[in-house]
Protein backbone atom coordinates (compact mmCIF):
# COMPACT_ATOMS: atom_id res chain seq x y z
CA MET A 1 30.05 104.09 9.20
CA ALA A 2 29.75 100.52 10.58
CA GLY A 3 28.70 98.80 7.24
CA LEU A 4 30.43 98.08 4.31
CA LYS A 5 28.40 99.29 1.89
CA SER A 6 28.75 102.91 3.89
CA TYR A 7 32.38 102.84 3.48
CA LEU A 8 31.85 102.10 -0.56
CA GLN A 9 29.58 104.82 -0.97
CA VAL A 10 31.79 107.46 0.72
CA SER A 11 35.38 105.67 -0.97
CA ALA A 12 34.07 105.38 -4.47
CA PRO A 13 36.17 108.51 -5.85
CA LEU A 14 39.49 106.60 -4.28
CA PHE A 15 38.31 103.40 -6.37
CA GLY A 16 37.33 105.13 -9.31
CA LEU A 17 33.97 103.31 -9.52
CA THR A 18 30.83 104.49 -8.53
CA PRO A 19 29.02 103.47 -5.37
CA ALA A 20 26.53 101.38 -6.97
CA ALA A 21 29.31 99.57 -9.00
CA LEU A 22 31.34 98.91 -5.62
CA TYR A 23 28.09 97.69 -4.17
CA GLU A 24 27.46 95.03 -6.85
CA ARG A 25 31.11 94.18 -6.40
CA GLN A 26 30.37 93.61 -2.86
CA ARG A 27 27.25 91.67 -3.65
CA ALA A 28 29.27 89.40 -6.03
CA LEU A 29 31.86 88.56 -3.45
CA VAL A 30 29.27 87.80 -0.88
CA ALA A 31 27.81 85.36 -3.36
CA LEU A 32 31.42 83.85 -3.73
CA HIS A 33 31.63 83.28 0.15
CA VAL A 34 34.64 86.03 0.28
CA ILE A 35 32.72 88.31 2.22
CA ASP A 36 30.90 87.13 5.19
CA ALA A 37 27.38 89.47 5.26
CA LEU A 38 25.12 89.20 8.28
CA GLY A 39 21.35 88.08 7.43
CA GLY A 40 18.30 90.27 7.51
CA ARG A 41 17.57 93.94 6.48
CA GLY A 42 18.11 97.42 7.82
CA PRO A 43 20.56 98.49 10.40
CA GLY A 44 22.85 95.64 11.66
CA SER A 45 22.59 93.68 8.54
CA GLY A 46 24.85 93.08 5.45
CA ALA A 47 28.55 93.00 5.15
CA PRO A 48 30.88 94.54 8.19
CA LEU A 49 33.37 96.76 7.59
CA THR A 50 36.58 95.02 7.77
CA SER A 51 39.84 95.68 6.52
CA TYR A 52 39.48 92.15 4.78
CA ASN A 53 36.47 93.31 3.25
CA ALA A 54 37.65 96.34 1.95
CA ALA A 55 41.12 94.77 0.41
CA ALA A 56 38.66 91.91 -1.07
CA ILE A 57 36.76 94.90 -2.74
CA LEU A 58 40.30 96.68 -3.96
CA ILE A 59 41.38 93.34 -5.29
CA SER A 60 38.44 92.86 -7.63
CA VAL A 61 38.82 96.37 -8.75
CA LEU A 62 42.51 95.71 -9.68
CA ALA A 63 41.73 92.20 -11.05
CA ALA A 64 38.52 92.61 -13.02
CA ASP A 65 37.26 95.34 -15.66
CA SER A 66 33.67 94.26 -15.37
CA LEU A 67 31.21 92.89 -12.91
CA ALA A 68 31.16 89.76 -14.88
CA GLU A 69 34.59 89.01 -14.35
CA VAL A 70 34.31 88.80 -10.74
CA ASP A 71 34.51 85.34 -10.52
CA GLU A 72 36.34 81.97 -9.02
CA ARG A 73 39.55 83.41 -10.48
CA VAL A 74 39.19 86.66 -8.54
CA VAL A 75 38.70 84.46 -5.19
CA GLY A 76 41.36 82.75 -6.01
CA LEU A 77 43.69 85.55 -6.18
CA ILE A 78 42.50 87.29 -2.76
CA ASN A 79 43.07 83.65 -1.36
CA ALA A 80 46.71 83.53 -3.13
CA LYS A 81 49.69 82.59 -1.14
CA PRO A 82 53.04 84.45 -1.42
CA ARG A 83 55.84 83.17 -3.79
CA LEU A 84 58.54 83.83 -1.32
CA THR A 85 61.92 82.58 -1.54
CA GLN A 86 62.08 81.18 1.79
CA ARG A 87 59.00 79.56 3.07
CA SER A 88 60.15 80.68 6.99
CA GLU A 89 59.21 84.02 6.04
CA TRP A 90 55.69 83.21 5.12
CA VAL A 91 55.20 80.98 8.22
CA LYS A 92 56.88 84.08 10.26
CA ALA A 93 54.52 86.64 8.71
CA GLY A 94 51.37 84.28 9.79
CA ARG A 95 50.88 83.03 6.51
CA PRO A 96 48.98 85.46 4.80
CA THR A 97 47.14 85.66 1.68
CA PHE A 98 47.25 88.54 -0.99
CA GLY A 99 43.80 89.29 0.97
CA SER A 100 44.91 89.44 4.24
CA ALA A 101 48.25 91.30 3.22
CA VAL A 102 46.26 94.10 1.03
CA ALA A 103 44.09 94.07 4.17
CA ALA A 104 47.26 94.76 6.29
CA VAL A 105 48.18 97.40 4.12
CA LEU A 106 45.27 99.11 4.31
CA GLU A 107 45.03 99.05 8.07
CA GLY A 108 48.69 100.66 7.66
CA ASP A 109 50.75 97.95 8.47
CA CYS A 110 53.48 96.58 6.48
CA PRO A 111 53.25 92.87 5.56
CA LEU A 112 55.94 90.40 5.05
CA PRO A 113 59.66 91.65 4.56
CA LEU A 114 58.69 95.34 3.44
CA ARG A 115 59.09 98.07 5.45
CA VAL A 116 57.10 100.92 3.38
CA VAL A 117 54.40 99.63 0.70
CA ASN A 118 54.18 102.17 -2.29
CA SER A 119 51.68 99.94 -4.73
CA ILE A 120 49.44 97.26 -4.80
CA ARG A 121 49.57 95.65 -8.37
CA VAL A 122 47.60 92.64 -10.21
CA LYS A 123 48.82 91.53 -13.23
CA ARG A 124 46.28 89.69 -14.96
CA CYS A 125 47.03 86.34 -15.43
CA TRP A 126 46.29 86.75 -11.64
CA LEU A 127 49.45 87.55 -9.88
CA GLY A 128 49.35 90.01 -7.08
CA GLN A 129 52.32 91.96 -5.91
CA ILE A 130 52.72 94.28 -2.63
CA SER A 131 55.58 96.53 -3.68
CA SER A 132 57.78 99.00 -1.91
CA GLY A 133 59.35 100.52 -4.93
CA VAL A 134 58.11 101.65 -8.33
CA LEU A 135 57.21 99.41 -10.85
CA GLY A 136 60.08 98.43 -13.02
CA MET A 137 62.46 100.61 -11.43
CA PRO A 138 65.79 99.23 -9.96
CA GLY A 139 65.26 98.34 -6.23
CA ASP A 140 61.34 97.04 -6.93
CA GLN A 141 61.41 93.77 -4.92
CA PRO A 142 57.93 93.23 -4.92
CA VAL A 143 56.00 90.39 -2.50
CA GLU A 144 54.43 88.13 -5.33
CA PHE A 145 51.23 86.21 -4.74
CA SER A 146 50.18 83.81 -7.34
CA SER A 147 46.87 82.56 -8.00
CA SER A 148 46.32 78.59 -7.98
CA ASN A 149 44.58 79.21 -11.11
CA SER A 150 47.05 81.32 -12.90
CA SER A 151 48.84 78.31 -14.86
CA ALA A 152 45.39 77.83 -16.31
CA ARG A 153 45.59 80.58 -17.87
CA GLY A 154 49.11 80.85 -18.98
CA TYR A 155 51.91 83.30 -18.18
CA ALA A 156 52.84 82.90 -21.76
CA ASP A 157 49.68 85.31 -23.27
CA PRO A 158 51.32 87.58 -25.65
CA ILE A 159 49.42 90.39 -23.89
CA GLU A 160 49.85 91.41 -19.88
CA LEU A 161 47.24 93.39 -18.55
CA THR A 162 48.22 95.35 -15.12
CA ALA A 163 46.13 97.25 -12.67
CA MET A 164 47.87 99.25 -9.69
CA ILE A 165 47.02 101.62 -7.31
CA HIS A 166 50.29 103.50 -6.13
CA THR A 167 51.42 106.31 -3.64
CA SER A 168 49.20 109.12 -3.20
CA LYS A 169 46.06 107.41 -3.97
CA LEU A 170 47.31 104.35 -1.98
CA GLU A 171 48.06 106.45 1.07
CA GLN A 172 44.55 108.49 0.84
CA LEU A 173 42.81 104.89 0.65
CA VAL A 174 44.79 103.73 3.67
CA ARG A 175 44.29 106.80 5.78
CA PHE A 176 40.34 106.72 4.58
CA THR A 177 40.15 103.28 5.82
CA GLN A 178 42.10 103.75 9.29
CA GLY A 179 39.63 106.48 9.98
CA ALA A 180 36.20 104.50 8.88
CA LEU A 181 37.76 101.43 10.95
CA SER A 182 38.48 103.52 13.84
CA GLN A 183 35.14 104.96 14.03
CA THR A 184 33.35 101.38 13.41
CA LYS A 185 35.42 100.49 16.50
CA LEU A 186 34.23 103.35 18.80
CA GLU A 187 30.69 102.96 17.88
CA GLU A 188 31.18 99.15 18.65
CA ASP A 189 32.76 100.03 21.97
CA GLU A 190 29.62 102.67 22.55
CA GLN A 191 27.48 99.89 22.29
């Protein structure tokens, strides 16, 4: 399972979409230059399976209900920097973006100051969160990533939409992604 397309075909139930819908998101993110694809046709071409590419797909699913909404706003969210109280934490963590932090979660790592990750949320108007708590409960201290184009949409909108993947579904996706990445690594080592 070396390609992103193969990964999406098998993981589609975890995303709650069809393999075709996920592949169309992949194509949109390639066109937006978020995902790099190798040219040509057949084996060895297309988008490789990486944790970052899988994270970009997950963020697009959380941020946009339809393929038509996968646009520069989603790219801005994927590239969003964290809103940390101390800039030194961000630098110490390797200057992660929302996309690279979600990729780390999918690899089984805990980004930034969190010890455990229980959920990944996207609050539309383009705010991403990685949290160790439960939404709205005491102790929920998410790391927030704010897109540069979020101010254009305005946080004062009367309606706020939130999409989230949490606990059991996130754990399933992390385990599946880790297994797929391990398999990809083994296939690369054999070549």
